[in-house]
Amino acid sequence: MTFTVLIPARLASTRLPNKPLADIGGLPMIVRVAQRAALSKARQVVVATDTPAIVDACRAHGVACVLTRADHPTGSDRLAEACAQLGLDGQDMVINVQGDEPLMDPGLINACADTLAERPDCVMSTAAHAIEAPEHFANPNVVKVVTDALGRALYFSRAPIPWWRDAPVPGTPASGSGTPLRHIGIYGYRAGFLRQFPQLSASPLESTESLEQLRVLWHGERIAVHVSASVPGPGVDTPEDLERVRAIIAAAR
């Protein structure tokens, strides 16, 4: 099994300006992400960006990078162009690692690739882990996923799903086989489908939930879900997140 890791990166964050170039222990965050991804079994790790400054930062640290158009509406559109630039075959596997995940577990990348390789009935793979804290279950910024008997996604939502009807306290996460799952924002694709994705019409559910992966389910395709036993390291969305990650990396030295 071989796969390529693609990391989309832009400077458009409103909560943390110039986020991909934020310094973490002497390295730009996007470089940290690429270095973590390189610890996986990927045959290549490539950053896809529309920003020359990100290209320069990557090249200064030996990270492969492609410059894409600036008018892509989604990260998936940017990755589709990157697949074309890299000449990836339709059955080549691509793992999309977000550019704000400097603590990404290389093992999770491998698991996402393994899951897709083992599921020819699915055009994509992703990951999730069990939710145990009620506040996370109720938080609309924590995306939930429910799966079928074969581990394929039935639905993704910002709402608390599945709802435990007989919970002793309303909104309490279910127990046992009904334990809800928190979606982890890592995706595996076959390159052929990734190139087709931008041509699929957006779905009403995608617009309602603001979750791009619902477009895939809306059009009748399948997404395999790897359930991780561990919680991934924190991503970076805010200045507070950045300080938290800086402290974790500094403590690990």
C-alpha atoms as a PDB file:
ATOM      1  CA  MET A   1       0.000   0.000   0.000  1.00  0.00           C
ATOM      2  CA  THR A   2       1.296   3.445  -0.954  1.00  0.00           C
ATOM      3  CA  PHE A   3      -0.319   6.818  -0.499  1.00  0.00           C
ATOM      4  CA  THR A   4       0.338  10.539  -0.756  1.00  0.00           C
ATOM      5  CA  VAL A   5      -0.357  13.041   2.005  1.00  0.00           C
ATOM      6  CA  LEU A   6      -1.686  16.379   0.757  1.00  0.00           C
ATOM      7  CA  ILE A   7      -1.877  19.323   3.160  1.00  0.00           C
ATOM      8  CA  PRO A   8      -4.009  22.306   2.042  1.00  0.00           C
ATOM      9  CA  ALA A   9      -2.885  25.649   3.445  1.00  0.00           C
ATOM     10  CA  ARG A  10      -4.115  29.236   3.109  1.00  0.00           C
ATOM     11  CA  LEU A  11      -3.587  32.496   4.975  1.00  0.00           C
ATOM     12  CA  ALA A  12      -7.314  33.254   5.187  1.00  0.00           C
ATOM     13  CA  SER A  13      -7.970  32.410   8.853  1.00  0.00           C
ATOM     14  CA  THR A  14      -9.872  35.214  10.601  1.00  0.00           C
ATOM     15  CA  ARG A  15      -9.347  33.971  14.175  1.00  0.00           C
ATOM     16  CA  LEU A  16      -5.600  33.527  13.745  1.00  0.00           C
ATOM     17  CA  PRO A  17      -4.132  35.583  10.877  1.00  0.00           C
ATOM     18  CA  ASN A  18      -1.274  33.983   8.895  1.00  0.00           C
ATOM     19  CA  LYS A  19      -1.901  30.759  10.802  1.00  0.00           C
ATOM     20  CA  PRO A  20       0.175  28.367   8.607  1.00  0.00           C
ATOM     21  CA  LEU A  21       3.256  30.551   9.139  1.00  0.00           C
ATOM     22  CA  ALA A  22       2.840  30.882  12.917  1.00  0.00           C
ATOM     23  CA  ASP A  23       6.074  30.023  14.706  1.00  0.00           C
ATOM     24  CA  ILE A  24       6.046  26.859  16.811  1.00  0.00           C
ATOM     25  CA  GLY A  25       9.389  26.108  18.407  1.00  0.00           C
ATOM     26  CA  GLY A  26      11.341  27.831  15.645  1.00  0.00           C
ATOM     27  CA  LEU A  27       9.451  26.342  12.684  1.00  0.00           C
ATOM     28  CA  PRO A  28       6.372  27.529  10.767  1.00  0.00           C
ATOM     29  CA  MET A  29       3.288  25.518  11.700  1.00  0.00           C
ATOM     30  CA  ILE A  30       2.828  24.189   8.159  1.00  0.00           C
ATOM     31  CA  VAL A  31       6.356  22.766   8.298  1.00  0.00           C
ATOM     32  CA  ARG A  32       5.580  21.111  11.639  1.00  0.00           C
ATOM     33  CA  VAL A  33       2.492  19.495  10.105  1.00  0.00           C
ATOM     34  CA  ALA A  34       4.456  18.222   7.104  1.00  0.00           C
ATOM     35  CA  GLN A  35       7.205  16.828   9.319  1.00  0.00           C
ATOM     36  CA  ARG A  36       4.663  14.908  11.405  1.00  0.00           C
ATOM     37  CA  ALA A  37       3.028  13.552   8.270  1.00  0.00           C
ATOM     38  CA  ALA A  38       6.428  12.451   6.962  1.00  0.00           C
ATOM     39  CA  LEU A  39       6.667  10.076   9.952  1.00  0.00           C
ATOM     40  CA  SER A  40       3.782   8.073   8.467  1.00  0.00           C
ATOM     41  CA  LYS A  41       4.166   5.476   5.701  1.00  0.00           C
ATOM     42  CA  ALA A  42       3.351   8.036   2.996  1.00  0.00           C
ATOM     43  CA  ARG A  43       5.543   7.867  -0.096  1.00  0.00           C
ATOM     44  CA  GLN A  44       5.357  11.658  -0.369  1.00  0.00           C
ATOM     45  CA  VAL A  45       4.045  14.616   1.622  1.00  0.00           C
ATOM     46  CA  VAL A  46       3.050  17.710  -0.346  1.00  0.00           C
ATOM     47  CA  VAL A  47       1.614  21.055   0.761  1.00  0.00           C
ATOM     48  CA  ALA A  48      -1.003  22.564  -1.590  1.00  0.00           C
ATOM     49  CA  THR A  49      -1.342  26.335  -1.246  1.00  0.00           C
ATOM     50  CA  ASP A  50      -2.327  29.472  -3.132  1.00  0.00           C
ATOM     51  CA  THR A  51       0.172  31.631  -1.244  1.00  0.00           C
ATOM     52  CA  PRO A  52       3.771  32.220  -2.420  1.00  0.00           C
ATOM     53  CA  ALA A  53       4.886  32.950   1.172  1.00  0.00           C
ATOM     54  CA  ILE A  54       3.829  29.437   2.204  1.00  0.00           C
ATOM     55  CA  VAL A  55       5.665  27.979  -0.787  1.00  0.00           C
ATOM     56  CA  ASP A  56       8.797  29.847   0.280  1.00  0.00           C
ATOM     57  CA  ALA A  57       8.509  28.651   3.895  1.00  0.00           C
ATOM     58  CA  CYS A  58       8.071  25.032   2.791  1.00  0.00           C
ATOM     59  CA  ARG A  59      10.954  25.075   0.357  1.00  0.00           C
ATOM     60  CA  ALA A  60      13.234  26.702   2.944  1.00  0.00           C
ATOM     61  CA  HIS A  61      12.721  23.612   5.116  1.00  0.00           C
ATOM     62  CA  GLY A  62      12.768  20.950   2.407  1.00  0.00           C
ATOM     63  CA  VAL A  63       8.984  20.408   2.290  1.00  0.00           C
ATOM     64  CA  ALA A  64       7.479  19.641  -1.124  1.00  0.00           C
ATOM     65  CA  CYS A  65       4.830  22.159  -2.200  1.00  0.00           C
ATOM     66  CA  VAL A  66       2.589  22.966  -5.178  1.00  0.00           C
ATOM     67  CA  LEU A  67       1.112  26.387  -5.916  1.00  0.00           C
ATOM     68  CA  THR A  68      -2.583  26.196  -6.815  1.00  0.00           C
ATOM     69  CA  ARG A  69      -5.166  28.670  -8.007  1.00  0.00           C
ATOM     70  CA  ALA A  70      -6.444  31.200  -5.474  1.00  0.00           C
ATOM     71  CA  ASP A  71     -10.151  30.914  -6.333  1.00  0.00           C
ATOM     72  CA  HIS A  72     -10.901  27.426  -5.025  1.00  0.00           C
ATOM     73  CA  PRO A  73     -14.072  27.460  -2.874  1.00  0.00           C
ATOM     74  CA  THR A  74     -13.013  24.491  -0.706  1.00  0.00           C
ATOM     75  CA  GLY A  75      -9.920  22.627   0.397  1.00  0.00           C
ATOM     76  CA  SER A  76     -11.074  19.593  -1.606  1.00  0.00           C
ATOM     77  CA  ASP A  77     -11.068  21.666  -4.796  1.00  0.00           C
ATOM     78  CA  ARG A  78      -7.498  22.711  -4.025  1.00  0.00           C
ATOM     79  CA  LEU A  79      -6.487  19.085  -3.465  1.00  0.00           C
ATOM     80  CA  ALA A  80      -8.107  18.066  -6.745  1.00  0.00           C
ATOM     81  CA  GLU A  81      -5.884  20.529  -8.590  1.00  0.00           C
ATOM     82  CA  ALA A  82      -2.857  19.278  -6.657  1.00  0.00           C
ATOM     83  CA  CYS A  83      -3.658  15.698  -7.730  1.00  0.00           C
ATOM     84  CA  ALA A  84      -3.642  16.831 -11.358  1.00  0.00           C
ATOM     85  CA  GLN A  85      -0.356  18.702 -10.925  1.00  0.00           C
ATOM     86  CA  LEU A  86       1.241  15.641  -9.339  1.00  0.00           C
ATOM     87  CA  GLY A  87      -0.107  13.302 -12.023  1.00  0.00           C
ATOM     88  CA  LEU A  88      -1.763  10.964  -9.520  1.00  0.00           C
ATOM     89  CA  ASP A  89      -3.580   7.967 -11.026  1.00  0.00           C
ATOM     90  CA  GLY A  90      -7.296   7.434 -10.392  1.00  0.00           C
ATOM     91  CA  GLN A  91      -6.688   4.610  -7.886  1.00  0.00           C
ATOM     92  CA  ASP A  92      -3.833   6.362  -6.076  1.00  0.00           C
ATOM     93  CA  MET A  93      -4.704   7.049  -2.460  1.00  0.00           C
ATOM     94  CA  VAL A  94      -4.528  10.550  -1.026  1.00  0.00           C
ATOM     95  CA  ILE A  95      -4.727  11.407   2.678  1.00  0.00           C
ATOM     96  CA  ASN A  96      -5.819  14.961   3.434  1.00  0.00           C
ATOM     97  CA  VAL A  97      -4.153  16.241   6.613  1.00  0.00           C
ATOM     98  CA  GLN A  98      -5.262  19.693   7.710  1.00  0.00           C
ATOM     99  CA  GLY A  99      -2.602  22.397   7.825  1.00  0.00           C
ATOM    100  CA  ASP A 100      -3.419  23.315  11.435  1.00  0.00           C
ATOM    101  CA  GLU A 101      -2.663  19.885  12.958  1.00  0.00           C
ATOM    102  CA  PRO A 102       0.999  20.095  14.087  1.00  0.00           C
ATOM    103  CA  LEU A 103       0.444  17.243  16.580  1.00  0.00           C
ATOM    104  CA  MET A 104      -1.146  14.860  14.077  1.00  0.00           C
ATOM    105  CA  ASP A 105      -0.449  11.223  14.949  1.00  0.00           C
ATOM    106  CA  PRO A 106       1.366   9.516  12.036  1.00  0.00           C
ATOM    107  CA  GLY A 107      -0.321   6.276  13.101  1.00  0.00           C
ATOM    108  CA  LEU A 108      -3.734   7.853  12.493  1.00  0.00           C
ATOM    109  CA  ILE A 109      -2.646   8.805   8.978  1.00  0.00           C
ATOM    110  CA  ASN A 110      -1.636   5.197   8.341  1.00  0.00           C
ATOM    111  CA  ALA A 111      -4.921   3.929   9.786  1.00  0.00           C
ATOM    112  CA  CYS A 112      -6.930   6.215   7.527  1.00  0.00           C
ATOM    113  CA  ALA A 113      -5.009   4.905   4.513  1.00  0.00           C
ATOM    114  CA  ASP A 114      -5.394   1.282   5.632  1.00  0.00           C
ATOM    115  CA  THR A 115      -9.133   1.757   6.109  1.00  0.00           C
ATOM    116  CA  LEU A 116      -9.586   3.081   2.574  1.00  0.00           C
ATOM    117  CA  ALA A 117      -7.390   0.343   1.071  1.00  0.00           C
ATOM    118  CA  GLU A 118      -9.486  -2.327   2.788  1.00  0.00           C
ATOM    119  CA  ARG A 119     -12.824  -0.869   1.655  1.00  0.00           C
ATOM    120  CA  PRO A 120     -13.288  -0.932  -2.145  1.00  0.00           C
ATOM    121  CA  ASP A 121     -16.973  -0.136  -1.547  1.00  0.00           C
ATOM    122  CA  CYS A 122     -16.013   3.316  -0.202  1.00  0.00           C
ATOM    123  CA  VAL A 123     -14.656   6.323  -2.089  1.00  0.00           C
ATOM    124  CA  MET A 124     -13.369   7.963   1.098  1.00  0.00           C
ATOM    125  CA  SER A 125     -12.217   7.208   4.620  1.00  0.00           C
ATOM    126  CA  THR A 126     -12.058   9.304   7.753  1.00  0.00           C
ATOM    127  CA  ALA A 127     -11.635   8.845  11.509  1.00  0.00           C
ATOM    128  CA  ALA A 128     -13.470   9.311  14.785  1.00  0.00           C
ATOM    129  CA  HIS A 129     -13.117   8.613  18.501  1.00  0.00           C
ATOM    130  CA  ALA A 130     -15.557   8.032  21.342  1.00  0.00           C
ATOM    131  CA  ILE A 131     -17.074  11.052  23.092  1.00  0.00           C
ATOM    132  CA  GLU A 132     -17.219  10.787  26.860  1.00  0.00           C
ATOM    133  CA  ALA A 133     -17.682  14.398  28.016  1.00  0.00           C
ATOM    134  CA  PRO A 134     -21.289  15.677  27.911  1.00  0.00           C
ATOM    135  CA  GLU A 135     -20.119  19.194  27.083  1.00  0.00           C
ATOM    136  CA  HIS A 136     -18.430  17.923  23.914  1.00  0.00           C
ATOM    137  CA  PHE A 137     -21.535  15.983  22.921  1.00  0.00           C
ATOM    138  CA  ALA A 138     -23.628  19.156  23.122  1.00  0.00           C
ATOM    139  CA  ASN A 139     -21.040  21.459  21.503  1.00  0.00           C
ATOM    140  CA  PRO A 140     -21.962  22.345  17.876  1.00  0.00           C
ATOM    141  CA  ASN A 141     -18.267  22.921  17.123  1.00  0.00           C
ATOM    142  CA  VAL A 142     -17.658  19.234  17.864  1.00  0.00           C
ATOM    143  CA  VAL A 143     -18.796  17.303  14.784  1.00  0.00           C
ATOM    144  CA  LYS A 144     -20.419  13.936  15.455  1.00  0.00           C
ATOM    145  CA  VAL A 145     -20.705  10.926  13.146  1.00  0.00           C
ATOM    146  CA  VAL A 146     -22.898   7.823  13.253  1.00  0.00           C
ATOM    147  CA  THR A 147     -21.995   4.645  11.361  1.00  0.00           C
ATOM    148  CA  ASP A 148     -23.700   1.535  10.030  1.00  0.00           C
ATOM    149  CA  ALA A 149     -22.917  -2.096  10.916  1.00  0.00           C
ATOM    150  CA  LEU A 150     -19.992  -2.106   8.462  1.00  0.00           C
ATOM    151  CA  GLY A 151     -18.367   1.035   9.854  1.00  0.00           C
ATOM    152  CA  ARG A 152     -19.547   3.334   7.068  1.00  0.00           C
ATOM    153  CA  ALA A 153     -20.752   6.840   7.838  1.00  0.00           C
ATOM    154  CA  LEU A 154     -24.515   7.263   7.940  1.00  0.00           C
ATOM    155  CA  TYR A 155     -24.447  10.949   8.836  1.00  0.00           C
ATOM    156  CA  PHE A 156     -22.267  13.742  10.188  1.00  0.00           C
ATOM    157  CA  SER A 157     -23.792  16.494  12.312  1.00  0.00           C
ATOM    158  CA  ARG A 158     -23.091  19.355  14.673  1.00  0.00           C
ATOM    159  CA  ALA A 159     -26.140  18.219  16.648  1.00  0.00           C
ATOM    160  CA  PRO A 160     -25.803  15.649  19.456  1.00  0.00           C
ATOM    161  CA  ILE A 161     -26.295  12.299  17.678  1.00  0.00           C
ATOM    162  CA  PRO A 162     -27.248   9.594  18.350  1.00  0.00           C
ATOM    163  CA  TRP A 163     -29.711  10.943  20.903  1.00  0.00           C
ATOM    164  CA  TRP A 164     -30.107   8.691  23.933  1.00  0.00           C
ATOM    165  CA  ARG A 165     -33.861   8.765  24.457  1.00  0.00           C
ATOM    166  CA  ASP A 166     -33.770   7.203  27.925  1.00  0.00           C
ATOM    167  CA  ALA A 167     -30.780   9.125  29.301  1.00  0.00           C
ATOM    168  CA  PRO A 168     -31.170   9.882  33.036  1.00  0.00           C
ATOM    169  CA  VAL A 169     -30.054  13.436  32.244  1.00  0.00           C
ATOM    170  CA  PRO A 170     -31.153  14.864  28.868  1.00  0.00           C
ATOM    171  CA  GLY A 171     -28.226  15.225  26.516  1.00  0.00           C
ATOM    172  CA  THR A 172     -26.022  12.734  28.356  1.00  0.00           C
ATOM    173  CA  PRO A 173     -23.922  10.686  25.911  1.00  0.00           C
ATOM    174  CA  ALA A 174     -25.132   7.142  25.442  1.00  0.00           C
ATOM    175  CA  SER A 175     -23.243   4.153  26.821  1.00  0.00           C
ATOM    176  CA  GLY A 176     -22.159   0.805  25.371  1.00  0.00           C
ATOM    177  CA  SER A 177     -22.744   0.290  21.671  1.00  0.00           C
ATOM    178  CA  GLY A 178     -24.516   3.630  21.461  1.00  0.00           C
ATOM    179  CA  THR A 179     -21.498   5.693  22.518  1.00  0.00           C
ATOM    180  CA  PRO A 180     -21.379   8.742  20.220  1.00  0.00           C
ATOM    181  CA  LEU A 181     -18.361   9.416  18.036  1.00  0.00           C
ATOM    182  CA  ARG A 182     -16.493  12.657  17.514  1.00  0.00           C
ATOM    183  CA  HIS A 183     -15.384  13.119  13.942  1.00  0.00           C
ATOM    184  CA  ILE A 184     -11.658  13.734  13.355  1.00  0.00           C
ATOM    185  CA  GLY A 185     -10.946  15.985  10.375  1.00  0.00           C
ATOM    186  CA  ILE A 186      -8.661  13.700   8.397  1.00  0.00           C
ATOM    187  CA  TYR A 187      -9.770  12.213   5.065  1.00  0.00           C
ATOM    188  CA  GLY A 188      -8.619   9.534   2.680  1.00  0.00           C
ATOM    189  CA  TYR A 189      -9.610   9.646  -0.996  1.00  0.00           C
ATOM    190  CA  ARG A 190      -8.969   7.772  -4.178  1.00  0.00           C
ATOM    191  CA  ALA A 191      -7.484  10.387  -6.466  1.00  0.00           C
ATOM    192  CA  GLY A 192     -10.042   9.734  -9.202  1.00  0.00           C
ATOM    193  CA  PHE A 193     -12.922  10.532  -6.870  1.00  0.00           C
ATOM    194  CA  LEU A 194     -11.120  13.545  -5.433  1.00  0.00           C
ATOM    195  CA  ARG A 195     -10.826  14.982  -8.941  1.00  0.00           C
ATOM    196  CA  GLN A 196     -14.566  14.354  -9.485  1.00  0.00           C
ATOM    197  CA  PHE A 197     -15.631  15.848  -6.155  1.00  0.00           C
ATOM    198  CA  PRO A 198     -15.624  19.520  -7.246  1.00  0.00           C
ATOM    199  CA  GLN A 199     -18.044  18.595 -10.051  1.00  0.00           C
ATOM    200  CA  LEU A 200     -20.655  17.239  -7.607  1.00  0.00           C
ATOM    201  CA  SER A 201     -23.395  19.708  -6.783  1.00  0.00           C
ATOM    202  CA  ALA A 202     -23.462  20.954  -3.202  1.00  0.00           C
ATOM    203  CA  SER A 203     -26.204  19.387  -1.078  1.00  0.00           C
ATOM    204  CA  PRO A 204     -28.763  21.157   1.130  1.00  0.00           C
ATOM    205  CA  LEU A 205     -27.466  19.170   4.117  1.00  0.00           C
ATOM    206  CA  GLU A 206     -23.917  20.349   3.426  1.00  0.00           C
ATOM    207  CA  SER A 207     -25.112  23.948   3.416  1.00  0.00           C
ATOM    208  CA  THR A 208     -27.230  23.518   6.556  1.00  0.00           C
ATOM    209  CA  GLU A 209     -24.539  21.836   8.660  1.00  0.00           C
ATOM    210  CA  SER A 210     -21.572  23.555   6.964  1.00  0.00           C
ATOM    211  CA  LEU A 211     -19.957  20.118   6.576  1.00  0.00           C
ATOM    212  CA  GLU A 212     -18.468  19.411   3.167  1.00  0.00           C
ATOM    213  CA  GLN A 213     -18.364  15.625   3.649  1.00  0.00           C
ATOM    214  CA  LEU A 214     -22.182  15.503   3.567  1.00  0.00           C
ATOM    215  CA  ARG A 215     -21.980  16.166  -0.179  1.00  0.00           C
ATOM    216  CA  VAL A 216     -20.443  12.708  -0.562  1.00  0.00           C
ATOM    217  CA  LEU A 217     -23.272  10.971   1.309  1.00  0.00           C
ATOM    218  CA  TRP A 218     -25.905  13.073  -0.449  1.00  0.00           C
ATOM    219  CA  HIS A 219     -24.728  11.724  -3.795  1.00  0.00           C
ATOM    220  CA  GLY A 220     -24.918   8.128  -2.590  1.00  0.00           C
ATOM    221  CA  GLU A 221     -21.228   7.447  -2.061  1.00  0.00           C
ATOM    222  CA  ARG A 222     -19.764   5.737   0.999  1.00  0.00           C
ATOM    223  CA  ILE A 223     -17.232   6.908   3.597  1.00  0.00           C
ATOM    224  CA  ALA A 224     -15.445   4.318   5.761  1.00  0.00           C
ATOM    225  CA  VAL A 225     -14.807   5.411   9.359  1.00  0.00           C
ATOM    226  CA  HIS A 226     -11.790   4.305  11.390  1.00  0.00           C
ATOM    227  CA  VAL A 227     -12.565   4.512  15.124  1.00  0.00           C
ATOM    228  CA  SER A 228      -9.423   5.464  17.004  1.00  0.00           C
ATOM    229  CA  ALA A 229      -8.845   4.259  20.548  1.00  0.00           C
ATOM    230  CA  SER A 230      -7.022   7.479  21.408  1.00  0.00           C
ATOM    231  CA  VAL A 231      -7.887  11.163  21.271  1.00  0.00           C
ATOM    232  CA  PRO A 232      -5.748  13.130  18.775  1.00  0.00           C
ATOM    233  CA  GLY A 233      -3.614  16.066  19.847  1.00  0.00           C
ATOM    234  CA  PRO A 234      -5.218  19.511  19.688  1.00  0.00           C
ATOM    235  CA  GLY A 235      -5.396  21.430  16.450  1.00  0.00           C
ATOM    236  CA  VAL A 236      -4.872  25.178  16.129  1.00  0.00           C
ATOM    237  CA  ASP A 237      -7.857  27.452  15.492  1.00  0.00           C
ATOM    238  CA  THR A 238      -7.292  30.319  17.942  1.00  0.00           C
ATOM    239  CA  PRO A 239      -4.386  32.157  19.608  1.00  0.00           C
ATOM    240  CA  GLU A 240      -5.119  30.142  22.761  1.00  0.00           C
ATOM    241  CA  ASP A 241      -4.813  26.891  20.803  1.00  0.00           C
ATOM    242  CA  LEU A 242      -1.488  28.069  19.399  1.00  0.00           C
ATOM    243  CA  GLU A 243      -0.085  28.747  22.866  1.00  0.00           C
ATOM    244  CA  ARG A 244      -1.278  25.335  24.055  1.00  0.00           C
ATOM    245  CA  VAL A 245       0.474  23.558  21.185  1.00  0.00           C
ATOM    246  CA  ARG A 246       3.637  25.619  21.652  1.00  0.00           C
ATOM    247  CA  ALA A 247       3.726  24.530  25.299  1.00  0.00           C
ATOM    248  CA  ILE A 248       3.231  20.855  24.400  1.00  0.00           C
ATOM    249  CA  ILE A 249       6.046  20.891  21.833  1.00  0.00           C
ATOM    250  CA  ALA A 250       8.365  22.821  24.147  1.00  0.00           C
ATOM    251  CA  ALA A 251       7.738  20.295  26.950  1.00  0.00           C
ATOM    252  CA  ALA A 252       8.541  17.388  24.615  1.00  0.00           C
ATOM    253  CA  ARG A 253      12.052  18.640  23.833  1.00  0.00           C
END
